[in-house]
């Protein structure tokens, strides 16, 4: 049985992972709507890369 603290840690971990994945989905949607070479394109790609790196700390590996 998990302790209350372990349950909170587990729930926190999954909330972080779900939030990160949803954030990447939203950013990918923005990229799909942009014309190539848009000024914000590089910033969005950088945000996706950083979020993937952060999710990697939680043991999540995304490939797309």
PDB file of N, CA and C in Angstrom:
ATOM      1  N   UNK A   1       0.839  -1.172   0.000  1.00  0.00           N
ATOM      2  CA  UNK A   1       0.000   0.000   0.000  1.00  0.00           C
ATOM      3  C   UNK A   1       0.893   1.247   0.000  1.00  0.00           C
ATOM      4  N   UNK A   2       0.471   2.239  -0.739  1.00  0.00           N
ATOM      5  CA  UNK A   2       1.238   3.481  -0.841  1.00  0.00           C
ATOM      6  C   UNK A   2       0.872   4.423   0.311  1.00  0.00           C
ATOM      7  N   UNK A   3       1.859   5.116   0.778  1.00  0.00           N
ATOM      8  CA  UNK A   3       1.610   6.115   1.821  1.00  0.00           C
ATOM      9  C   UNK A   3       0.946   7.334   1.192  1.00  0.00           C
ATOM     10  N   UNK A   4       0.286   8.169   1.976  1.00  0.00           N
ATOM     11  CA  UNK A   4      -0.307   9.388   1.419  1.00  0.00           C
ATOM     12  C   UNK A   4       0.711  10.267   0.690  1.00  0.00           C
ATOM     13  N   UNK A   5       1.927  10.329   1.229  1.00  0.00           N
ATOM     14  CA  UNK A   5       2.961  11.123   0.569  1.00  0.00           C
ATOM     15  C   UNK A   5       3.338  10.526  -0.784  1.00  0.00           C
ATOM     16  N   UNK A   6       3.457   9.214  -0.852  1.00  0.00           N
ATOM     17  CA  UNK A   6       3.788   8.550  -2.118  1.00  0.00           C
ATOM     18  C   UNK A   6       2.669   8.745  -3.138  1.00  0.00           C
ATOM     19  N   UNK A   7       1.432   8.705  -2.674  1.00  0.00           N
ATOM     20  CA  UNK A   7       0.293   8.925  -3.578  1.00  0.00           C
ATOM     21  C   UNK A   7       0.339  10.338  -4.136  1.00  0.00           C
ATOM     22  N   UNK A   8       0.609  11.330  -3.286  1.00  0.00           N
ATOM     23  CA  UNK A   8       0.704  12.716  -3.753  1.00  0.00           C
ATOM     24  C   UNK A   8       1.835  12.864  -4.768  1.00  0.00           C
ATOM     25  N   UNK A   9       2.991  12.243  -4.500  1.00  0.00           N
ATOM     26  CA  UNK A   9       4.112  12.314  -5.434  1.00  0.00           C
ATOM     27  C   UNK A   9       3.749  11.690  -6.774  1.00  0.00           C
ATOM     28  N   UNK A  10       3.086  10.550  -6.719  1.00  0.00           N
ATOM     29  CA  UNK A  10       2.662   9.858  -7.945  1.00  0.00           C
ATOM     30  C   UNK A  10       1.675  10.716  -8.727  1.00  0.00           C
ATOM     31  N   UNK A  11       0.694  11.285  -8.034  1.00  0.00           N
ATOM     32  CA  UNK A  11      -0.298  12.129  -8.702  1.00  0.00           C
ATOM     33  C   UNK A  11       0.350  13.378  -9.293  1.00  0.00           C
ATOM     34  N   UNK A  12       1.280  13.960  -8.557  1.00  0.00           N
ATOM     35  CA  UNK A  12       1.985  15.147  -9.047  1.00  0.00           C
ATOM     36  C   UNK A  12       2.757  14.807 -10.318  1.00  0.00           C
ATOM     37  N   UNK A  13       3.451  13.680 -10.306  1.00  0.00           N
ATOM     38  CA  UNK A  13       4.230  13.247 -11.473  1.00  0.00           C
ATOM     39  C   UNK A  13       3.331  13.109 -12.700  1.00  0.00           C
ATOM     40  N   UNK A  14       2.195  12.448 -12.549  1.00  0.00           N
ATOM     41  CA  UNK A  14       1.294  12.243 -13.677  1.00  0.00           C
ATOM     42  C   UNK A  14       0.647  13.537 -14.138  1.00  0.00           C
ATOM     43  N   UNK A  15       0.350  14.449 -13.219  1.00  0.00           N
ATOM     44  CA  UNK A  15      -0.190  15.758 -13.634  1.00  0.00           C
ATOM     45  C   UNK A  15       0.845  16.511 -14.455  1.00  0.00           C
ATOM     46  N   UNK A  16       2.109  16.467 -14.035  1.00  0.00           N
ATOM     47  CA  UNK A  16       3.176  17.131 -14.784  1.00  0.00           C
ATOM     48  C   UNK A  16       3.329  16.530 -16.175  1.00  0.00           C
ATOM     49  N   UNK A  17       3.319  15.227 -16.252  1.00  0.00           N
ATOM     50  CA  UNK A  17       3.453  14.551 -17.546  1.00  0.00           C
ATOM     51  C   UNK A  17       2.279  14.907 -18.450  1.00  0.00           C
ATOM     52  N   UNK A  18       1.065  14.812 -17.936  1.00  0.00           N
ATOM     53  CA  UNK A  18      -0.117  15.117 -18.754  1.00  0.00           C
ATOM     54  C   UNK A  18      -0.109  16.564 -19.211  1.00  0.00           C
ATOM     55  N   UNK A  19       0.280  17.469 -18.336  1.00  0.00           N
ATOM     56  CA  UNK A  19       0.346  18.878 -18.703  1.00  0.00           C
ATOM     57  C   UNK A  19       1.376  19.093 -19.812  1.00  0.00           C
ATOM     58  N   UNK A  20       2.547  18.481 -19.680  1.00  0.00           N
ATOM     59  CA  UNK A  20       3.592  18.627 -20.688  1.00  0.00           C
ATOM     60  C   UNK A  20       3.175  18.086 -22.037  1.00  0.00           C
ATOM     61  N   UNK A  21       2.529  16.924 -22.044  1.00  0.00           N
ATOM     62  CA  UNK A  21       2.081  16.331 -23.311  1.00  0.00           C
ATOM     63  C   UNK A  21       1.007  17.204 -23.956  1.00  0.00           C
ATOM     64  N   UNK A  22       0.075  17.705 -23.162  1.00  0.00           N
ATOM     65  CA  UNK A  22      -0.972  18.570 -23.704  1.00  0.00           C
ATOM     66  C   UNK A  22      -0.375  19.869 -24.250  1.00  0.00           C
ATOM     67  N   UNK A  23       0.617  20.423 -23.567  1.00  0.00           N
ATOM     68  CA  UNK A  23       1.291  21.635 -24.028  1.00  0.00           C
ATOM     69  C   UNK A  23       1.945  21.394 -25.387  1.00  0.00           C
ATOM     70  N   UNK A  24       2.610  20.258 -25.544  1.00  0.00           N
ATOM     71  CA  UNK A  24       3.243  19.937 -26.829  1.00  0.00           C
ATOM     72  C   UNK A  24       2.184  19.784 -27.918  1.00  0.00           C
ATOM     73  N   UNK A  25       1.063  19.147 -27.606  1.00  0.00           N
ATOM     74  CA  UNK A  25      -0.018  19.016 -28.601  1.00  0.00           C
ATOM     75  C   UNK A  25      -0.498  20.384 -29.084  1.00  0.00           C
ATOM     76  N   UNK A  26      -0.680  21.298 -28.137  1.00  0.00           N
ATOM     77  CA  UNK A  26      -1.126  22.641 -28.506  1.00  0.00           C
ATOM     78  C   UNK A  26      -0.089  23.347 -29.376  1.00  0.00           C
ATOM     79  N   UNK A  27       1.181  23.207 -29.024  1.00  0.00           N
ATOM     80  CA  UNK A  27       2.235  23.841 -29.810  1.00  0.00           C
ATOM     81  C   UNK A  27       2.324  23.241 -31.211  1.00  0.00           C
ATOM     82  N   UNK A  28       2.168  21.932 -31.310  1.00  0.00           N
ATOM     83  CA  UNK A  28       2.185  21.297 -32.637  1.00  0.00           C
ATOM     84  C   UNK A  28       1.013  21.778 -33.478  1.00  0.00           C
ATOM     85  N   UNK A  29      -0.134  21.988 -32.827  1.00  0.00           N
ATOM     86  CA  UNK A  29      -1.289  22.532 -33.541  1.00  0.00           C
ATOM     87  C   UNK A  29      -1.009  23.930 -34.073  1.00  0.00           C
ATOM     88  N   UNK A  30      -0.333  24.759 -33.281  1.00  0.00           N
ATOM     89  CA  UNK A  30       0.040  26.094 -33.742  1.00  0.00           C
ATOM     90  C   UNK A  30       0.989  26.017 -34.931  1.00  0.00           C
ATOM     91  N   UNK A  31       1.951  25.104 -34.860  1.00  0.00           N
ATOM     92  CA  UNK A  31       2.890  24.948 -35.976  1.00  0.00           C
ATOM     93  C   UNK A  31       2.175  24.543 -37.257  1.00  0.00           C
ATOM     94  N   UNK A  32       1.168  23.681 -37.135  1.00  0.00           N
ATOM     95  CA  UNK A  32       0.417  23.253 -38.319  1.00  0.00           C
ATOM     96  C   UNK A  32      -0.304  24.416 -38.986  1.00  0.00           C
ATOM     97  N   UNK A  33      -0.742  25.385 -38.182  1.00  0.00           N
ATOM     98  CA  UNK A  33      -1.487  26.520 -38.717  1.00  0.00           C
ATOM     99  C   UNK A  33      -0.595  27.609 -39.284  1.00  0.00           C
ATOM    100  N   UNK A  34       0.691  27.599 -38.947  1.00  0.00           N
ATOM    101  CA  UNK A  34       1.605  28.662 -39.380  1.00  0.00           C
ATOM    102  C   UNK A  34       2.132  28.422 -40.783  1.00  0.00           C
ATOM    103  N   UNK A  35       2.442  29.538 -41.413  1.00  0.00           N
ATOM    104  CA  UNK A  35       3.142  29.430 -42.688  1.00  0.00           C
ATOM    105  C   UNK A  35       4.625  29.195 -42.387  1.00  0.00           C
ATOM    106  N   UNK A  36       5.321  28.448 -43.232  1.00  0.00           N
ATOM    107  CA  UNK A  36       6.746  28.200 -42.999  1.00  0.00           C
ATOM    108  C   UNK A  36       7.522  29.519 -42.913  1.00  0.00           C
ATOM    109  N   UNK A  37       8.438  29.581 -41.976  1.00  0.00           N
ATOM    110  CA  UNK A  37       9.257  30.772 -41.809  1.00  0.00           C
ATOM    111  C   UNK A  37       8.626  31.842 -40.934  1.00  0.00           C
ATOM    112  N   UNK A  38       7.499  31.525 -40.317  1.00  0.00           N
ATOM    113  CA  UNK A  38       6.842  32.497 -39.424  1.00  0.00           C
ATOM    114  C   UNK A  38       7.820  32.877 -38.312  1.00  0.00           C
ATOM    115  N   UNK A  39       7.820  34.146 -37.880  1.00  0.00           N
ATOM    116  CA  UNK A  39       8.776  34.583 -36.848  1.00  0.00           C
ATOM    117  C   UNK A  39       8.686  33.803 -35.530  1.00  0.00           C
ATOM    118  N   UNK A  40       7.532  33.265 -35.198  1.00  0.00           N
ATOM    119  CA  UNK A  40       7.387  32.538 -33.937  1.00  0.00           C
ATOM    120  C   UNK A  40       7.745  31.058 -34.058  1.00  0.00           C
ATOM    121  N   UNK A  41       7.983  30.595 -35.268  1.00  0.00           N
ATOM    122  CA  UNK A  41       8.242  29.173 -35.499  1.00  0.00           C
ATOM    123  C   UNK A  41       9.424  28.657 -34.671  1.00  0.00           C
ATOM    124  N   UNK A  42      10.522  29.363 -34.668  1.00  0.00           N
ATOM    125  CA  UNK A  42      11.708  28.910 -33.931  1.00  0.00           C
ATOM    126  C   UNK A  42      11.446  28.860 -32.430  1.00  0.00           C
ATOM    127  N   UNK A  43      10.702  29.812 -31.908  1.00  0.00           N
ATOM    128  CA  UNK A  43      10.374  29.816 -30.489  1.00  0.00           C
ATOM    129  C   UNK A  43       9.489  28.660 -30.091  1.00  0.00           C
ATOM    130  N   UNK A  44       8.555  28.318 -30.950  1.00  0.00           N
ATOM    131  CA  UNK A  44       7.663  27.190 -30.666  1.00  0.00           C
ATOM    132  C   UNK A  44       8.450  25.887 -30.691  1.00  0.00           C
ATOM    133  N   UNK A  45       9.324  25.737 -31.670  1.00  0.00           N
ATOM    134  CA  UNK A  45      10.158  24.529 -31.741  1.00  0.00           C
ATOM    135  C   UNK A  45      11.049  24.431 -30.495  1.00  0.00           C
ATOM    136  N   UNK A  46      11.583  25.555 -30.056  1.00  0.00           N
ATOM    137  CA  UNK A  46      12.422  25.553 -28.851  1.00  0.00           C
ATOM    138  C   UNK A  46      11.598  25.158 -27.618  1.00  0.00           C
ATOM    139  N   UNK A  47      10.362  25.639 -27.525  1.00  0.00           N
ATOM    140  CA  UNK A  47       9.496  25.284 -26.391  1.00  0.00           C
ATOM    141  C   UNK A  47       9.167  23.798 -26.407  1.00  0.00           C
ATOM    142  N   UNK A  48       8.930  23.249 -27.589  1.00  0.00           N
ATOM    143  CA  UNK A  48       8.660  21.810 -27.701  1.00  0.00           C
ATOM    144  C   UNK A  48       9.884  21.012 -27.259  1.00  0.00           C
ATOM    145  N   UNK A  49      11.054  21.422 -27.719  1.00  0.00           N
ATOM    146  CA  UNK A  49      12.294  20.727 -27.365  1.00  0.00           C
ATOM    147  C   UNK A  49      12.532  20.762 -25.864  1.00  0.00           C
ATOM    148  N   UNK A  50      12.337  21.914 -25.254  1.00  0.00           N
ATOM    149  CA  UNK A  50      12.555  22.049 -23.811  1.00  0.00           C
ATOM    150  C   UNK A  50      11.541  21.212 -23.025  1.00  0.00           C
ATOM    151  N   UNK A  51      10.300  21.184 -23.490  1.00  0.00           N
ATOM    152  CA  UNK A  51       9.275  20.395 -22.809  1.00  0.00           C
ATOM    153  C   UNK A  51       9.584  18.906 -22.937  1.00  0.00           C
ATOM    154  N   UNK A  52      10.056  18.477 -24.109  1.00  0.00           N
ATOM    155  CA  UNK A  52      10.464  17.075 -24.271  1.00  0.00           C
ATOM    156  C   UNK A  52      11.591  16.736 -23.304  1.00  0.00           C
ATOM    157  N   UNK A  53      12.534  17.656 -23.142  1.00  0.00           N
ATOM    158  CA  UNK A  53      13.655  17.438 -22.219  1.00  0.00           C
ATOM    159  C   UNK A  53      13.135  17.311 -20.780  1.00  0.00           C
ATOM    160  N   UNK A  54      12.221  18.176 -20.407  1.00  0.00           N
ATOM    161  CA  UNK A  54      11.644  18.127 -19.062  1.00  0.00           C
ATOM    162  C   UNK A  54      10.893  16.821 -18.848  1.00  0.00           C
ATOM    163  N   UNK A  55      10.116  16.394 -19.833  1.00  0.00           N
ATOM    164  CA  UNK A  55       9.393  15.125 -19.708  1.00  0.00           C
ATOM    165  C   UNK A  55      10.369  13.952 -19.610  1.00  0.00           C
ATOM    166  N   UNK A  56      11.524  14.074 -20.249  1.00  0.00           N
ATOM    167  CA  UNK A  56      12.536  13.037 -20.161  1.00  0.00           C
ATOM    168  C   UNK A  56      13.009  12.815 -18.731  1.00  0.00           C
ATOM    169  N   UNK A  57      12.991  13.868 -17.935  1.00  0.00           N
ATOM    170  CA  UNK A  57      13.359  13.728 -16.517  1.00  0.00           C
ATOM    171  C   UNK A  57      12.347  12.877 -15.755  1.00  0.00           C
ATOM    172  N   UNK A  58      11.133  12.806 -16.287  1.00  0.00           N
ATOM    173  CA  UNK A  58      10.090  11.966 -15.683  1.00  0.00           C
ATOM    174  C   UNK A  58      10.082  10.564 -16.303  1.00  0.00           C
ATOM    175  N   UNK A  59      11.030  10.295 -17.198  1.00  0.00           N
ATOM    176  CA  UNK A  59      11.106   8.991 -17.820  1.00  0.00           C
ATOM    177  C   UNK A  59      10.234   8.845 -19.054  1.00  0.00           C
ATOM    178  N   UNK A  60       9.770   9.959 -19.602  1.00  0.00           N
ATOM    179  CA  UNK A  60       8.898   9.936 -20.773  1.00  0.00           C
ATOM    180  C   UNK A  60       9.743  10.241 -22.002  1.00  0.00           C
ATOM    181  N   UNK A  61       9.593   9.421 -23.019  1.00  0.00           N
ATOM    182  CA  UNK A  61      10.306   9.650 -24.272  1.00  0.00           C
ATOM    183  C   UNK A  61       9.279   9.833 -25.381  1.00  0.00           C
ATOM    184  N   UNK A  62       9.299  10.983 -26.010  1.00  0.00           N
ATOM    185  CA  UNK A  62       8.371  11.285 -27.095  1.00  0.00           C
ATOM    186  C   UNK A  62       9.120  11.278 -28.412  1.00  0.00           C
ATOM    187  N   UNK A  63       8.509  10.667 -29.402  1.00  0.00           N
ATOM    188  CA  UNK A  63       9.078  10.681 -30.742  1.00  0.00           C
ATOM    189  C   UNK A  63       7.980  11.075 -31.709  1.00  0.00           C
ATOM    190  N   UNK A  64       8.287  12.059 -32.537  1.00  0.00           N
ATOM    191  CA  UNK A  64       7.338  12.472 -33.585  1.00  0.00           C
ATOM    192  C   UNK A  64       8.081  13.134 -34.693  1.00  0.00           C
TER     193      UNK A  64
END
